Amino acid sequence: MARHMGIELPVLFMLGWLCARCAGPRLEQALRPWNAHGLPALLLALLVTAFWMVPAALDRAVLDWRVGELKVMSLVAAGITAGATWRTAGPIIQAFFVLNWSWMTLVAGLLYQESAQQVCSVYLIDEQRSAGVAMVCWSVAGALAWLHRVIANARFTIS
C-alpha cells in the first residue's frame, strides 16, 4: 500500500504532467474552449486524486485489473489536464487547488496512520501506516514546492 500511495499514484500523475509539458502550448490551446481559467481541468485533477485516496477504490484497483487500468488512465489524464492548464490558472487559482489538495492529502494520510483498524482489505495495517506517512510527506512537499515557485517568480519592488 505504501508503494501504491507513496510511489505509483504520484508518479502516474507526474507522468501525465510531463506529457502535457512535452505537448507544449498546442494542448493548452486545445483545452482552452472548455477550460476557463484552468478551473475545470484542475477540478478534474482534484477529484481524480481524491477518488484514489478512498480505501475501497484502492481495493478495487488491486482486485480488478479493469479498475487498475482505469486508475492508471485517470491519473495520467488528470496529470495531463492539470499540467496543460497550470500556467493559465494563475497563482490565486493555483493556490486554491494546491492548498485544497495538500489539506485533503494530509488529512487522509493522518487518518491512514492513526486508524486502529485496517481500512483496505488487501493491505496489512503496517502498510497502511506507511502509506499514511508517504501521503503526509507528499502533501507537505507539494505545498512547499508550489510556495517556493510562487516566491521565486514573485516580483518584489521596494518603493
N, C-alpha and C. Protein backbone atom coordinates (compact mmCIF):
# COMPACT_ATOMS: atom_id res chain seq x y z
N MET A 1 0.82 -1.19 0.00
CA MET A 1 0.00 0.00 0.00
C MET A 1 0.87 1.26 0.00
N ALA A 2 1.97 1.23 0.73
CA ALA A 2 2.86 2.39 0.76
C ALA A 2 3.45 2.65 -0.63
N ARG A 3 3.79 1.59 -1.34
CA ARG A 3 4.29 1.77 -2.71
C ARG A 3 3.18 2.30 -3.62
N HIS A 4 1.97 1.82 -3.38
CA HIS A 4 0.82 2.24 -4.17
C HIS A 4 0.56 3.74 -3.97
N MET A 5 0.39 4.15 -2.72
CA MET A 5 0.05 5.54 -2.39
C MET A 5 1.27 6.47 -2.45
N GLY A 6 2.42 5.96 -2.09
CA GLY A 6 3.60 6.81 -1.99
C GLY A 6 4.41 6.92 -3.25
N ILE A 7 4.29 5.93 -4.15
CA ILE A 7 5.10 5.96 -5.38
C ILE A 7 4.21 5.94 -6.62
N GLU A 8 3.40 4.88 -6.76
CA GLU A 8 2.68 4.69 -8.02
C GLU A 8 1.72 5.83 -8.35
N LEU A 9 0.85 6.21 -7.43
CA LEU A 9 -0.13 7.25 -7.73
C LEU A 9 0.52 8.59 -8.06
N PRO A 10 1.48 9.07 -7.24
CA PRO A 10 2.13 10.33 -7.60
C PRO A 10 2.92 10.26 -8.92
N VAL A 11 3.56 9.14 -9.18
CA VAL A 11 4.35 9.00 -10.41
C VAL A 11 3.44 9.02 -11.64
N LEU A 12 2.29 8.37 -11.56
CA LEU A 12 1.35 8.40 -12.68
C LEU A 12 0.86 9.82 -12.96
N PHE A 13 0.54 10.56 -11.90
CA PHE A 13 0.11 11.94 -12.07
C PHE A 13 1.24 12.79 -12.68
N MET A 14 2.45 12.62 -12.16
CA MET A 14 3.59 13.40 -12.67
C MET A 14 3.93 13.01 -14.11
N LEU A 15 3.73 11.75 -14.46
CA LEU A 15 3.94 11.33 -15.84
C LEU A 15 2.98 12.08 -16.77
N GLY A 16 1.73 12.19 -16.37
CA GLY A 16 0.77 12.96 -17.16
C GLY A 16 1.18 14.42 -17.25
N TRP A 17 1.63 14.98 -16.15
CA TRP A 17 2.08 16.38 -16.12
C TRP A 17 3.22 16.59 -17.12
N LEU A 18 4.18 15.67 -17.10
CA LEU A 18 5.32 15.78 -18.03
C LEU A 18 4.88 15.61 -19.48
N CYS A 19 3.92 14.74 -19.72
CA CYS A 19 3.37 14.59 -21.08
C CYS A 19 2.77 15.90 -21.55
N ALA A 20 2.06 16.59 -20.67
CA ALA A 20 1.47 17.89 -21.02
C ALA A 20 2.55 18.90 -21.35
N ARG A 21 3.61 18.88 -20.59
CA ARG A 21 4.71 19.82 -20.85
C ARG A 21 5.38 19.51 -22.20
N CYS A 22 5.51 18.23 -22.51
CA CYS A 22 6.11 17.84 -23.79
C CYS A 22 5.20 18.21 -24.96
N ALA A 23 3.89 18.19 -24.74
CA ALA A 23 2.94 18.53 -25.80
C ALA A 23 3.00 20.01 -26.14
N GLY A 24 3.42 20.82 -25.18
CA GLY A 24 3.58 22.24 -25.42
C GLY A 24 2.27 23.01 -25.45
N PRO A 25 2.30 24.21 -26.03
CA PRO A 25 1.13 25.09 -25.99
C PRO A 25 -0.06 24.59 -26.83
N ARG A 26 0.17 23.67 -27.75
CA ARG A 26 -0.96 23.17 -28.55
C ARG A 26 -2.01 22.49 -27.68
N LEU A 27 -1.58 21.74 -26.70
CA LEU A 27 -2.53 21.07 -25.81
C LEU A 27 -3.30 22.10 -24.98
N GLU A 28 -2.59 23.09 -24.48
CA GLU A 28 -3.24 24.15 -23.71
C GLU A 28 -4.29 24.86 -24.56
N GLN A 29 -3.97 25.12 -25.81
CA GLN A 29 -4.93 25.77 -26.71
C GLN A 29 -6.12 24.86 -27.03
N ALA A 30 -5.88 23.56 -27.12
CA ALA A 30 -6.97 22.63 -27.39
C ALA A 30 -7.94 22.56 -26.22
N LEU A 31 -7.44 22.72 -25.01
CA LEU A 31 -8.28 22.67 -23.82
C LEU A 31 -9.00 23.99 -23.55
N ARG A 32 -8.49 25.07 -24.11
CA ARG A 32 -8.98 26.41 -23.78
C ARG A 32 -10.50 26.59 -23.94
N PRO A 33 -11.17 26.05 -24.98
CA PRO A 33 -12.60 26.33 -25.14
C PRO A 33 -13.48 25.88 -23.96
N TRP A 34 -13.09 24.85 -23.25
CA TRP A 34 -13.91 24.36 -22.14
C TRP A 34 -13.24 24.56 -20.79
N ASN A 35 -12.10 25.21 -20.77
CA ASN A 35 -11.27 25.25 -19.57
C ASN A 35 -11.02 26.68 -19.10
N ALA A 36 -12.07 27.40 -18.77
CA ALA A 36 -11.95 28.79 -18.36
C ALA A 36 -11.06 28.94 -17.12
N HIS A 37 -9.97 29.67 -17.28
CA HIS A 37 -9.03 29.96 -16.20
C HIS A 37 -8.45 28.70 -15.54
N GLY A 38 -8.54 27.56 -16.21
CA GLY A 38 -7.99 26.32 -15.69
C GLY A 38 -8.87 25.62 -14.66
N LEU A 39 -10.02 26.19 -14.34
CA LEU A 39 -10.87 25.62 -13.29
C LEU A 39 -11.36 24.20 -13.59
N PRO A 40 -11.94 23.92 -14.75
CA PRO A 40 -12.41 22.55 -14.99
C PRO A 40 -11.30 21.50 -14.95
N ALA A 41 -10.17 21.81 -15.54
CA ALA A 41 -9.07 20.84 -15.57
C ALA A 41 -8.51 20.59 -14.17
N LEU A 42 -8.36 21.63 -13.39
CA LEU A 42 -7.84 21.45 -12.04
C LEU A 42 -8.86 20.78 -11.13
N LEU A 43 -10.13 21.05 -11.36
CA LEU A 43 -11.17 20.35 -10.60
C LEU A 43 -11.15 18.86 -10.93
N LEU A 44 -10.99 18.54 -12.20
CA LEU A 44 -10.88 17.13 -12.61
C LEU A 44 -9.70 16.47 -11.89
N ALA A 45 -8.56 17.13 -11.90
CA ALA A 45 -7.37 16.57 -11.25
C ALA A 45 -7.60 16.37 -9.74
N LEU A 46 -8.24 17.34 -9.11
CA LEU A 46 -8.51 17.25 -7.68
C LEU A 46 -9.47 16.09 -7.37
N LEU A 47 -10.50 15.95 -8.18
CA LEU A 47 -11.47 14.87 -7.96
C LEU A 47 -10.86 13.49 -8.20
N VAL A 48 -10.05 13.38 -9.23
CA VAL A 48 -9.41 12.09 -9.53
C VAL A 48 -8.46 11.69 -8.41
N THR A 49 -7.63 12.62 -7.96
CA THR A 49 -6.70 12.28 -6.89
C THR A 49 -7.45 11.98 -5.59
N ALA A 50 -8.55 12.69 -5.34
CA ALA A 50 -9.35 12.40 -4.14
C ALA A 50 -9.95 11.00 -4.22
N PHE A 51 -10.46 10.63 -5.37
CA PHE A 51 -11.08 9.32 -5.53
C PHE A 51 -10.10 8.20 -5.20
N TRP A 52 -8.85 8.31 -5.66
CA TRP A 52 -7.89 7.24 -5.45
C TRP A 52 -7.29 7.23 -4.05
N MET A 53 -7.72 8.16 -3.19
CA MET A 53 -7.35 8.10 -1.77
C MET A 53 -8.35 7.28 -0.96
N VAL A 54 -9.48 6.97 -1.55
CA VAL A 54 -10.52 6.21 -0.87
C VAL A 54 -10.10 4.74 -0.79
N PRO A 55 -10.09 4.16 0.41
CA PRO A 55 -9.64 2.77 0.56
C PRO A 55 -10.38 1.77 -0.33
N ALA A 56 -11.68 1.92 -0.48
CA ALA A 56 -12.43 0.98 -1.33
C ALA A 56 -11.98 1.06 -2.79
N ALA A 57 -11.62 2.24 -3.25
CA ALA A 57 -11.14 2.39 -4.62
C ALA A 57 -9.80 1.68 -4.80
N LEU A 58 -8.93 1.80 -3.81
CA LEU A 58 -7.64 1.10 -3.87
C LEU A 58 -7.83 -0.41 -3.88
N ASP A 59 -8.75 -0.89 -3.04
CA ASP A 59 -9.02 -2.33 -3.02
C ASP A 59 -9.48 -2.81 -4.39
N ARG A 60 -10.42 -2.09 -4.99
CA ARG A 60 -10.94 -2.49 -6.31
C ARG A 60 -9.84 -2.45 -7.36
N ALA A 61 -8.96 -1.48 -7.28
CA ALA A 61 -7.88 -1.38 -8.27
C ALA A 61 -6.92 -2.56 -8.17
N VAL A 62 -6.74 -3.08 -6.97
CA VAL A 62 -5.86 -4.24 -6.79
C VAL A 62 -6.58 -5.53 -7.19
N LEU A 63 -7.85 -5.63 -6.87
CA LEU A 63 -8.59 -6.87 -7.10
C LEU A 63 -9.14 -7.04 -8.51
N ASP A 64 -9.35 -5.95 -9.24
CA ASP A 64 -9.93 -6.00 -10.58
C ASP A 64 -9.01 -5.26 -11.55
N TRP A 65 -8.44 -5.97 -12.50
CA TRP A 65 -7.46 -5.37 -13.40
C TRP A 65 -8.07 -4.23 -14.21
N ARG A 66 -9.37 -4.28 -14.49
CA ARG A 66 -10.01 -3.19 -15.25
C ARG A 66 -10.03 -1.90 -14.44
N VAL A 67 -10.29 -2.02 -13.16
CA VAL A 67 -10.27 -0.84 -12.29
C VAL A 67 -8.82 -0.35 -12.15
N GLY A 68 -7.87 -1.27 -12.11
CA GLY A 68 -6.46 -0.90 -12.08
C GLY A 68 -6.06 -0.11 -13.31
N GLU A 69 -6.55 -0.53 -14.47
CA GLU A 69 -6.27 0.22 -15.70
C GLU A 69 -6.95 1.59 -15.69
N LEU A 70 -8.17 1.63 -15.17
CA LEU A 70 -8.87 2.90 -15.03
C LEU A 70 -8.10 3.84 -14.13
N LYS A 71 -7.51 3.30 -13.06
CA LYS A 71 -6.70 4.10 -12.15
C LYS A 71 -5.53 4.73 -12.89
N VAL A 72 -4.83 3.91 -13.66
CA VAL A 72 -3.67 4.41 -14.40
C VAL A 72 -4.10 5.49 -15.40
N MET A 73 -5.12 5.20 -16.18
CA MET A 73 -5.56 6.15 -17.20
C MET A 73 -6.08 7.45 -16.58
N SER A 74 -6.85 7.33 -15.49
CA SER A 74 -7.42 8.54 -14.89
C SER A 74 -6.35 9.41 -14.25
N LEU A 75 -5.36 8.81 -13.62
CA LEU A 75 -4.31 9.62 -13.00
C LEU A 75 -3.40 10.28 -14.04
N VAL A 76 -3.10 9.56 -15.10
CA VAL A 76 -2.30 10.17 -16.17
C VAL A 76 -3.10 11.30 -16.83
N ALA A 77 -4.39 11.07 -17.08
CA ALA A 77 -5.24 12.10 -17.68
C ALA A 77 -5.35 13.32 -16.77
N ALA A 78 -5.47 13.09 -15.47
CA ALA A 78 -5.54 14.20 -14.51
C ALA A 78 -4.24 15.00 -14.54
N GLY A 79 -3.12 14.30 -14.60
CA GLY A 79 -1.83 15.00 -14.70
C GLY A 79 -1.69 15.78 -15.99
N ILE A 80 -2.19 15.21 -17.09
CA ILE A 80 -2.13 15.91 -18.38
C ILE A 80 -2.96 17.18 -18.34
N THR A 81 -4.20 17.07 -17.87
CA THR A 81 -5.05 18.26 -17.86
C THR A 81 -4.52 19.33 -16.90
N ALA A 82 -4.04 18.91 -15.73
CA ALA A 82 -3.50 19.88 -14.78
C ALA A 82 -2.23 20.52 -15.32
N GLY A 83 -1.35 19.71 -15.89
CA GLY A 83 -0.10 20.25 -16.43
C GLY A 83 -0.31 21.18 -17.61
N ALA A 84 -1.30 20.88 -18.44
CA ALA A 84 -1.56 21.70 -19.62
C ALA A 84 -2.20 23.03 -19.27
N THR A 85 -2.83 23.10 -18.12
CA THR A 85 -3.57 24.31 -17.77
C THR A 85 -2.97 25.10 -16.62
N TRP A 86 -1.87 24.63 -16.08
CA TRP A 86 -1.31 25.22 -14.88
C TRP A 86 -0.99 26.71 -15.03
N ARG A 87 -0.33 27.08 -16.11
CA ARG A 87 0.02 28.49 -16.30
C ARG A 87 -1.21 29.36 -16.51
N THR A 88 -2.20 28.81 -17.18
CA THR A 88 -3.44 29.53 -17.42
C THR A 88 -4.14 29.88 -16.12
N ALA A 89 -4.02 29.02 -15.14
CA ALA A 89 -4.74 29.18 -13.88
C ALA A 89 -4.30 30.41 -13.10
N GLY A 90 -3.03 30.73 -13.10
CA GLY A 90 -2.55 31.85 -12.30
C GLY A 90 -2.40 31.49 -10.83
N PRO A 91 -1.70 32.31 -10.07
CA PRO A 91 -1.35 31.95 -8.70
C PRO A 91 -2.54 31.84 -7.74
N ILE A 92 -3.60 32.60 -7.92
CA ILE A 92 -4.73 32.52 -6.99
C ILE A 92 -5.47 31.20 -7.16
N ILE A 93 -5.78 30.84 -8.39
CA ILE A 93 -6.47 29.57 -8.65
C ILE A 93 -5.54 28.41 -8.31
N GLN A 94 -4.27 28.54 -8.62
CA GLN A 94 -3.31 27.51 -8.25
C GLN A 94 -3.31 27.30 -6.73
N ALA A 95 -3.31 28.41 -5.99
CA ALA A 95 -3.31 28.33 -4.52
C ALA A 95 -4.53 27.57 -4.03
N PHE A 96 -5.69 27.87 -4.60
CA PHE A 96 -6.91 27.20 -4.18
C PHE A 96 -6.78 25.69 -4.34
N PHE A 97 -6.31 25.25 -5.50
CA PHE A 97 -6.24 23.82 -5.75
C PHE A 97 -5.08 23.15 -5.03
N VAL A 98 -3.92 23.77 -5.00
CA VAL A 98 -2.77 23.17 -4.31
C VAL A 98 -3.06 23.04 -2.82
N LEU A 99 -3.58 24.09 -2.23
CA LEU A 99 -3.82 24.04 -0.79
C LEU A 99 -4.96 23.09 -0.44
N ASN A 100 -5.98 23.00 -1.27
CA ASN A 100 -7.05 22.02 -1.03
C ASN A 100 -6.54 20.60 -1.20
N TRP A 101 -5.75 20.36 -2.25
CA TRP A 101 -5.18 19.02 -2.44
C TRP A 101 -4.26 18.67 -1.27
N SER A 102 -3.45 19.64 -0.87
CA SER A 102 -2.49 19.38 0.21
C SER A 102 -3.22 19.07 1.51
N TRP A 103 -4.24 19.85 1.83
CA TRP A 103 -5.00 19.61 3.05
C TRP A 103 -5.68 18.25 3.00
N MET A 104 -6.33 17.94 1.88
CA MET A 104 -7.03 16.67 1.72
C MET A 104 -6.06 15.49 1.87
N THR A 105 -4.91 15.59 1.25
CA THR A 105 -3.91 14.52 1.30
C THR A 105 -3.33 14.39 2.70
N LEU A 106 -3.09 15.50 3.35
CA LEU A 106 -2.58 15.49 4.72
C LEU A 106 -3.57 14.79 5.66
N VAL A 107 -4.82 15.17 5.59
CA VAL A 107 -5.83 14.58 6.46
C VAL A 107 -5.99 13.08 6.16
N ALA A 108 -6.05 12.72 4.88
CA ALA A 108 -6.17 11.30 4.53
C ALA A 108 -4.96 10.53 5.03
N GLY A 109 -3.78 11.10 4.89
CA GLY A 109 -2.57 10.44 5.38
C GLY A 109 -2.59 10.24 6.88
N LEU A 110 -3.04 11.25 7.60
CA LEU A 110 -3.14 11.12 9.06
C LEU A 110 -4.18 10.08 9.45
N LEU A 111 -5.29 10.03 8.72
CA LEU A 111 -6.31 9.02 9.00
C LEU A 111 -5.77 7.61 8.75
N TYR A 112 -5.04 7.44 7.65
CA TYR A 112 -4.43 6.14 7.37
C TYR A 112 -3.47 5.74 8.49
N GLN A 113 -2.70 6.70 8.99
CA GLN A 113 -1.72 6.40 10.04
C GLN A 113 -2.38 6.07 11.38
N GLU A 114 -3.40 6.81 11.73
CA GLU A 114 -3.98 6.73 13.06
C GLU A 114 -5.11 5.73 13.21
N SER A 115 -5.61 5.20 12.10
CA SER A 115 -6.73 4.26 12.18
C SER A 115 -6.29 2.98 12.90
N ALA A 116 -7.08 2.61 13.91
CA ALA A 116 -6.75 1.41 14.68
C ALA A 116 -7.14 0.13 13.94
N GLN A 117 -7.98 0.28 12.93
CA GLN A 117 -8.40 -0.89 12.17
C GLN A 117 -7.93 -0.78 10.73
N GLN A 118 -7.90 -1.89 10.09
CA GLN A 118 -7.47 -1.99 8.70
C GLN A 118 -8.54 -1.39 7.80
N VAL A 119 -8.17 -0.36 7.00
CA VAL A 119 -9.15 0.30 6.15
C VAL A 119 -9.19 -0.28 4.73
N CYS A 120 -8.10 -0.85 4.28
CA CYS A 120 -8.06 -1.52 2.98
C CYS A 120 -7.98 -3.03 3.23
N SER A 121 -8.83 -3.76 2.56
CA SER A 121 -8.87 -5.21 2.82
C SER A 121 -7.70 -5.95 2.19
N VAL A 122 -7.04 -5.37 1.21
CA VAL A 122 -5.95 -6.09 0.53
C VAL A 122 -4.57 -5.70 1.06
N TYR A 123 -4.52 -4.80 2.03
CA TYR A 123 -3.24 -4.38 2.60
C TYR A 123 -3.25 -4.60 4.11
N LEU A 124 -2.08 -4.86 4.66
CA LEU A 124 -1.95 -5.04 6.10
C LEU A 124 -1.90 -3.68 6.80
N ILE A 125 -2.16 -3.67 8.09
CA ILE A 125 -2.25 -2.41 8.84
C ILE A 125 -0.90 -1.68 8.89
N ASP A 126 0.22 -2.42 8.92
CA ASP A 126 1.52 -1.73 8.93
C ASP A 126 1.78 -1.04 7.60
N GLU A 127 1.30 -1.61 6.50
CA GLU A 127 1.42 -0.95 5.20
C GLU A 127 0.54 0.30 5.16
N GLN A 128 -0.57 0.24 5.83
CA GLN A 128 -1.49 1.37 5.91
C GLN A 128 -0.81 2.56 6.59
N ARG A 129 -0.11 2.30 7.67
CA ARG A 129 0.61 3.37 8.38
C ARG A 129 1.70 3.96 7.50
N SER A 130 2.44 3.12 6.80
CA SER A 130 3.50 3.61 5.90
C SER A 130 2.91 4.45 4.77
N ALA A 131 1.77 4.02 4.24
CA ALA A 131 1.10 4.80 3.19
C ALA A 131 0.68 6.16 3.73
N GLY A 132 0.20 6.20 4.96
CA GLY A 132 -0.17 7.46 5.57
C GLY A 132 1.01 8.41 5.71
N VAL A 133 2.15 7.87 6.11
CA VAL A 133 3.36 8.70 6.22
C VAL A 133 3.74 9.25 4.84
N ALA A 134 3.69 8.40 3.82
CA ALA A 134 4.01 8.84 2.46
C ALA A 134 3.06 9.94 2.00
N MET A 135 1.78 9.80 2.31
CA MET A 135 0.80 10.81 1.91
C MET A 135 1.07 12.15 2.60
N VAL A 136 1.41 12.10 3.88
CA VAL A 136 1.73 13.33 4.60
C VAL A 136 2.97 13.98 3.99
N CYS A 137 3.96 13.19 3.66
CA CYS A 137 5.18 13.72 3.04
C CYS A 137 4.88 14.37 1.69
N TRP A 138 4.07 13.70 0.85
CA TRP A 138 3.69 14.27 -0.44
C TRP A 138 2.91 15.56 -0.26
N SER A 139 2.04 15.59 0.73
CA SER A 139 1.23 16.77 0.99
C SER A 139 2.11 17.98 1.32
N VAL A 140 3.02 17.79 2.23
CA VAL A 140 3.91 18.87 2.64
C VAL A 140 4.85 19.25 1.50
N ALA A 141 5.40 18.27 0.81
CA ALA A 141 6.32 18.55 -0.30
C ALA A 141 5.62 19.30 -1.43
N GLY A 142 4.41 18.91 -1.75
CA GLY A 142 3.66 19.59 -2.83
C GLY A 142 3.38 21.04 -2.49
N ALA A 143 2.92 21.28 -1.27
CA ALA A 143 2.61 22.65 -0.86
C ALA A 143 3.88 23.50 -0.82
N LEU A 144 4.96 22.95 -0.29
CA LEU A 144 6.22 23.71 -0.21
C LEU A 144 6.80 23.98 -1.59
N ALA A 145 6.73 23.00 -2.48
CA ALA A 145 7.25 23.20 -3.85
C ALA A 145 6.46 24.30 -4.55
N TRP A 146 5.14 24.30 -4.42
CA TRP A 146 4.34 25.35 -5.04
C TRP A 146 4.67 26.71 -4.44
N LEU A 147 4.75 26.78 -3.11
CA LEU A 147 5.06 28.04 -2.44
C LEU A 147 6.43 28.56 -2.84
N HIS A 148 7.41 27.67 -2.94
CA HIS A 148 8.75 28.07 -3.38
C HIS A 148 8.71 28.67 -4.78
N ARG A 149 7.97 28.03 -5.65
CA ARG A 149 7.88 28.52 -7.04
C ARG A 149 7.18 29.88 -7.11
N VAL A 150 6.15 30.07 -6.32
CA VAL A 150 5.45 31.35 -6.29
C VAL A 150 6.38 32.45 -5.80
N ILE A 151 7.11 32.18 -4.73
CA ILE A 151 8.03 33.17 -4.18
C ILE A 151 9.15 33.45 -5.17
N ALA A 152 9.67 32.42 -5.82
CA ALA A 152 10.76 32.59 -6.78
C ALA A 152 10.32 33.42 -7.99
N ASN A 153 9.07 33.30 -8.38
CA ASN A 153 8.55 34.01 -9.54
C ASN A 153 7.98 35.38 -9.20
N ALA A 154 7.86 35.70 -7.90
CA ALA A 154 7.28 36.97 -7.49
C ALA A 154 8.23 38.10 -7.83
N ARG A 155 7.66 39.19 -8.20
CA ARG A 155 8.43 40.39 -8.50
C ARG A 155 8.22 41.37 -7.33
N PHE A 156 9.25 41.48 -6.51
CA PHE A 156 9.14 42.37 -5.37
C PHE A 156 9.76 43.71 -5.73
N THR A 157 9.05 44.77 -5.41
CA THR A 157 9.58 46.11 -5.65
C THR A 157 9.52 46.89 -4.34
N ILE A 158 10.54 47.64 -4.11
CA ILE A 158 10.58 48.49 -2.92
C ILE A 158 10.45 49.92 -3.38
N SER A 159 9.45 50.59 -2.84
CA SER A 159 9.22 51.99 -3.25
C SER A 159 9.72 52.92 -2.19
